[in-house]
Amino acid sequence: MIGVEHLNVHFGSNHVVRDVSFNVAAGETFGLVGESGSGKSTVLRTIAGLNADWNGTLTVAGKTLGHRRDRAFFKAVQMVFQDPYGSLHPRQTVDRILSEPLEVHGIPDAEARIVRALEEVALPRAARFRYPHQLSGGQRQRVAIARALVADPSVLLLDEPTSALDVSVQAEVLNLLADLREARQLTCILVSHNLAVVAHLCERLAVMQGGRIVEVLTEAQLRAGEARHSHTQDLIALSHELEA
């Protein structure tokens, strides 16, 4: 469903993603893991069409992507950002936030779709006419997920979707994402610095360091402690320290 071949991204003279290649099968959730500045979010944003200065080959559903994407791409590929407050318009109600993608893509039955979207992310109907500042952080992220799903995409790009949330809320959102992925047969890429989050959702993961992929593991290999690269081993050790 998603192909990334020899992707390079520059920000001016800064070479931030270096010859990155991986594939994601239809229905799979693939993780990109690494420290801040490793290039993982840049890869995600480039796939999403939010970075212009790149070279390599990107494909979605067998279609090669150019630097400019058409409306069909943005209907099929949606993104959930790290900060739910920053990604939602502060002066729009939840109803307006969910209506806008439907209007942009000319999708009918807005009323039924909005009601369904709120139900899918377990938000009460009373939240529909509230503003983002009237919601909790977990509720705001549920709105962001509902907005991403309301136009029925096939690919969901998740950029640290739980890192801005309280620990008690993170598990709820992760379980919600797992349920939605299964129910909708979504293909997902999850970016995170947290190996526990990635192990919860992903069948495979790539570890990034300095803009490169240094190792690709299955979730089973990660849990079995079969990482070979020293940087992956360091990340595992750090996650164990944080859990202790």
Protein backbone atom coordinates (compact mmCIF):
# COMPACT_ATOMS: atom_id res chain seq x y z
CA MET A 1 0.00 0.00 0.00
CA ILE A 2 2.87 2.40 0.83
CA GLY A 3 6.29 2.34 -0.80
CA VAL A 4 9.24 4.54 0.14
CA GLU A 5 12.42 4.10 -1.93
CA HIS A 6 15.67 6.04 -1.50
CA LEU A 7 13.93 9.01 0.12
CA ASN A 8 16.13 12.03 0.81
CA VAL A 9 14.89 15.27 2.38
CA HIS A 10 16.79 18.54 2.71
CA PHE A 11 16.01 21.64 4.73
CA GLY A 12 18.32 24.11 3.02
CA SER A 13 21.81 22.66 3.40
CA ASN A 14 20.69 20.29 6.16
CA HIS A 15 20.29 16.70 4.91
CA VAL A 16 17.70 15.42 7.41
CA VAL A 17 16.52 12.16 5.77
CA ARG A 18 19.12 9.99 4.10
CA ASP A 19 18.29 7.23 1.62
CA VAL A 20 15.32 5.83 3.56
CA SER A 21 13.46 2.84 2.07
CA PHE A 22 10.62 0.69 3.42
CA ASN A 23 7.27 -0.78 2.37
CA VAL A 24 3.99 -1.12 4.22
CA ALA A 25 1.49 -3.81 3.24
CA ALA A 26 -2.24 -3.12 2.99
CA GLY A 27 -3.77 -3.35 6.45
CA GLU A 28 -0.39 -3.25 8.21
CA THR A 29 0.68 -0.78 10.89
CA PHE A 30 4.36 0.10 10.51
CA GLY A 31 6.34 2.01 13.12
CA LEU A 32 9.09 4.60 12.76
CA VAL A 33 11.05 4.94 15.99
CA GLY A 34 13.90 7.20 17.00
CA GLU A 35 15.08 10.07 19.13
CA SER A 36 14.07 13.66 18.47
CA GLY A 37 15.78 14.87 15.32
CA SER A 38 16.23 11.39 13.85
CA GLY A 39 14.06 12.28 10.82
CA LYS A 40 11.06 10.07 11.56
CA SER A 41 8.42 12.84 11.56
CA THR A 42 9.99 14.36 8.45
CA VAL A 43 9.49 11.06 6.62
CA LEU A 44 5.84 11.03 7.67
CA ARG A 45 5.23 14.64 6.66
CA THR A 46 6.87 14.03 3.29
CA ILE A 47 4.56 11.10 2.60
CA ALA A 48 1.64 13.34 3.64
CA GLY A 49 2.67 15.99 1.09
CA LEU A 50 3.74 18.57 3.70
CA ASN A 51 7.42 18.74 2.69
CA ALA A 52 8.36 19.90 -0.79
CA ASP A 53 12.16 19.52 -0.94
CA TRP A 54 12.66 15.78 -1.36
CA ASN A 55 13.81 13.23 -3.90
CA GLY A 56 13.31 9.50 -4.24
CA THR A 57 10.20 7.46 -5.01
CA LEU A 58 6.97 7.45 -3.02
CA THR A 59 3.96 5.31 -3.90
CA VAL A 60 0.51 4.84 -2.35
CA ALA A 61 -1.76 2.04 -3.61
CA GLY A 62 0.62 1.55 -6.55
CA LYS A 63 0.43 5.19 -7.67
CA THR A 64 3.68 7.16 -7.79
CA LEU A 65 3.43 10.45 -5.92
CA GLY A 66 4.75 13.74 -7.20
CA HIS A 67 5.63 16.81 -5.21
CA ARG A 68 2.10 18.14 -5.72
CA ARG A 69 -0.77 15.89 -4.65
CA ASP A 70 -4.30 15.85 -6.00
CA ARG A 71 -7.53 15.92 -4.02
CA ALA A 72 -7.96 12.15 -4.30
CA PHE A 73 -4.66 11.68 -2.45
CA PHE A 74 -5.74 13.89 0.44
CA LYS A 75 -9.01 11.97 0.73
CA ALA A 76 -7.22 8.61 0.80
CA VAL A 77 -4.34 9.66 3.08
CA GLN A 78 -5.02 11.46 6.34
CA MET A 79 -2.74 12.48 9.20
CA VAL A 80 -3.15 12.82 12.97
CA PHE A 81 -0.69 15.27 14.49
CA GLN A 82 1.13 15.23 17.81
CA ASP A 83 -0.53 18.25 19.42
CA PRO A 84 -4.32 17.97 19.30
CA TYR A 85 -4.80 21.57 20.45
CA GLY A 86 -2.47 22.99 17.82
CA SER A 87 -3.99 20.94 15.00
CA LEU A 88 -7.60 22.00 15.65
CA HIS A 89 -8.94 25.44 14.74
CA PRO A 90 -9.61 27.17 18.09
CA ARG A 91 -12.58 29.15 16.74
CA GLN A 92 -14.37 26.24 15.11
CA THR A 93 -16.74 23.89 16.89
CA VAL A 94 -16.25 20.16 16.63
CA ASP A 95 -19.20 20.08 14.22
CA ARG A 96 -17.44 22.55 11.90
CA ILE A 97 -14.11 20.75 12.23
CA LEU A 98 -15.73 17.49 11.10
CA SER A 99 -17.88 19.14 8.42
CA GLU A 100 -14.99 20.80 6.62
CA PRO A 101 -13.34 17.66 5.14
CA LEU A 102 -16.74 16.51 3.87
CA GLU A 103 -17.30 19.83 2.11
CA VAL A 104 -13.79 19.87 0.63
CA HIS A 105 -14.20 16.40 -0.86
CA GLY A 106 -17.86 16.78 -1.83
CA ILE A 107 -18.99 13.91 0.38
CA PRO A 108 -22.76 13.76 1.06
CA ASP A 109 -24.66 12.70 4.19
CA ALA A 110 -22.66 14.98 6.48
CA GLU A 111 -25.09 14.60 9.37
CA ALA A 112 -24.87 10.81 9.46
CA ARG A 113 -21.11 10.81 8.96
CA ILE A 114 -20.49 13.27 11.79
CA VAL A 115 -22.70 11.30 14.19
CA ARG A 116 -20.91 8.09 13.20
CA ALA A 117 -17.48 9.69 13.58
CA LEU A 118 -18.27 10.88 17.11
CA GLU A 119 -19.56 7.44 18.04
CA GLU A 120 -16.48 5.72 16.61
CA VAL A 121 -14.12 7.75 18.77
CA ALA A 122 -16.40 7.45 21.84
CA LEU A 123 -17.19 11.17 22.16
CA PRO A 124 -20.59 12.18 23.55
CA ARG A 125 -22.97 13.98 21.20
CA ALA A 126 -22.77 16.98 23.52
CA ALA A 127 -19.16 17.48 22.39
CA ARG A 128 -20.32 18.20 18.84
CA PHE A 129 -20.98 21.89 19.39
CA ARG A 130 -18.12 22.60 21.76
CA TYR A 131 -14.85 24.34 20.96
CA PRO A 132 -11.44 22.66 21.38
CA HIS A 133 -10.63 24.64 24.54
CA GLN A 134 -13.77 23.21 26.15
CA LEU A 135 -12.47 19.65 25.76
CA SER A 136 -9.80 17.66 27.57
CA GLY A 137 -6.56 16.73 25.83
CA GLY A 138 -7.77 13.19 25.24
CA GLN A 139 -11.08 14.43 23.84
CA ARG A 140 -9.26 16.83 21.51
CA GLN A 141 -7.13 14.00 20.14
CA ARG A 142 -10.29 11.95 19.61
CA VAL A 143 -11.69 14.86 17.59
CA ALA A 144 -8.47 14.94 15.54
CA ILE A 145 -8.82 11.20 14.88
CA ALA A 146 -12.48 11.61 13.95
CA ARG A 147 -11.57 14.41 11.52
CA ALA A 148 -8.96 12.17 9.90
CA LEU A 149 -11.45 9.32 9.50
CA VAL A 150 -14.63 11.18 8.54
CA ALA A 151 -13.79 11.11 4.81
CA ASP A 152 -13.08 7.34 4.87
CA PRO A 153 -9.33 7.28 4.10
CA SER A 154 -7.43 4.06 3.46
CA VAL A 155 -4.14 5.30 4.95
CA LEU A 156 -3.66 6.92 8.36
CA LEU A 157 -0.39 8.66 9.26
CA LEU A 158 0.10 9.05 13.03
CA ASP A 159 2.73 11.49 14.29
CA GLU A 160 3.30 10.85 18.02
CA PRO A 161 -0.49 10.72 18.58
CA THR A 162 -0.27 10.13 22.33
CA SER A 163 2.89 11.96 23.42
CA ALA A 164 1.05 15.18 24.34
CA LEU A 165 -1.44 13.29 26.53
CA ASP A 166 -1.40 12.24 30.17
CA VAL A 167 -0.19 8.69 30.73
CA SER A 168 -3.65 7.65 31.95
CA VAL A 169 -5.19 8.80 28.65
CA GLN A 170 -2.52 7.37 26.34
CA ALA A 171 -3.69 3.77 26.70
CA GLU A 172 -7.29 4.76 25.91
CA VAL A 173 -6.26 6.49 22.68
CA LEU A 174 -3.96 3.62 21.66
CA ASN A 175 -6.73 1.09 22.20
CA LEU A 176 -9.09 3.29 20.21
CA LEU A 177 -6.62 3.46 17.32
CA ALA A 178 -6.16 -0.31 17.40
CA ASP A 179 -9.93 -0.86 17.27
CA LEU A 180 -10.44 1.65 14.44
CA ARG A 181 -7.58 0.18 12.41
CA GLU A 182 -9.15 -3.26 12.64
CA ALA A 183 -12.72 -2.12 11.98
CA ARG A 184 -11.76 0.00 8.96
CA GLN A 185 -8.89 -2.15 7.65
CA LEU A 186 -6.60 0.87 7.66
CA THR A 187 -2.97 0.94 6.61
CA CYS A 188 -1.03 3.01 9.15
CA ILE A 189 2.40 4.45 9.81
CA LEU A 190 3.01 5.36 13.44
CA VAL A 191 5.86 7.68 14.41
CA SER A 192 6.94 7.54 18.03
CA HIS A 193 9.96 7.76 20.33
CA ASN A 194 8.21 5.31 22.69
CA LEU A 195 8.93 1.65 21.98
CA ALA A 196 6.04 0.51 24.17
CA VAL A 197 3.58 2.51 22.07
CA VAL A 198 5.00 1.07 18.86
CA ALA A 199 4.96 -2.50 20.19
CA HIS A 200 1.30 -2.03 21.12
CA LEU A 201 0.18 -1.13 17.60
CA CYS A 202 2.79 -2.17 15.03
CA GLU A 203 3.63 -5.48 13.36
CA ARG A 204 6.99 -4.13 12.18
CA LEU A 205 9.11 -1.10 12.97
CA ALA A 206 12.11 0.75 11.59
CA VAL A 207 14.61 2.39 13.94
CA MET A 208 16.01 5.72 12.73
CA GLN A 209 19.18 7.53 13.73
CA GLY A 210 20.72 10.56 12.06
CA GLY A 211 18.20 10.51 9.22
CA ARG A 212 18.82 6.86 8.33
CA ILE A 213 17.07 3.57 9.05
CA VAL A 214 19.55 1.50 11.04
CA GLU A 215 17.40 -1.57 11.70
CA VAL A 216 13.99 -3.08 10.85
CA LEU A 217 12.39 -5.43 13.38
CA THR A 218 9.14 -7.29 13.82
CA GLU A 219 7.16 -6.66 16.98
CA ALA A 220 7.98 -10.23 18.08
CA GLN A 221 11.71 -9.64 17.61
CA LEU A 222 11.48 -6.44 19.62
CA ARG A 223 9.71 -8.17 22.51
CA ALA A 224 12.20 -11.05 22.38
CA GLY A 225 15.13 -8.68 22.70
CA GLU A 226 16.56 -9.62 19.31
CA ALA A 227 17.66 -6.12 18.30
CA ARG A 228 21.15 -6.13 16.79
CA HIS A 229 22.00 -2.47 16.24
CA SER A 230 23.50 -0.67 19.22
CA HIS A 231 21.15 2.30 18.86
CA THR A 232 18.09 0.03 19.01
CA GLN A 233 19.53 -1.66 22.08
CA ASP A 234 20.05 1.75 23.69
CA LEU A 235 16.41 2.71 22.99
CA ILE A 236 15.20 -0.56 24.52
CA ALA A 237 17.36 -0.02 27.60
CA LEU A 238 16.05 3.53 27.96
CA SER A 239 12.43 2.39 27.70
CA HIS A 240 13.05 -0.19 30.43
CA GLU A 241 14.55 2.51 32.67
CA LEU A 242 11.52 4.75 32.14
CA GLU A 243 9.15 1.89 32.99
CA ALA A 244 11.08 0.95 36.14
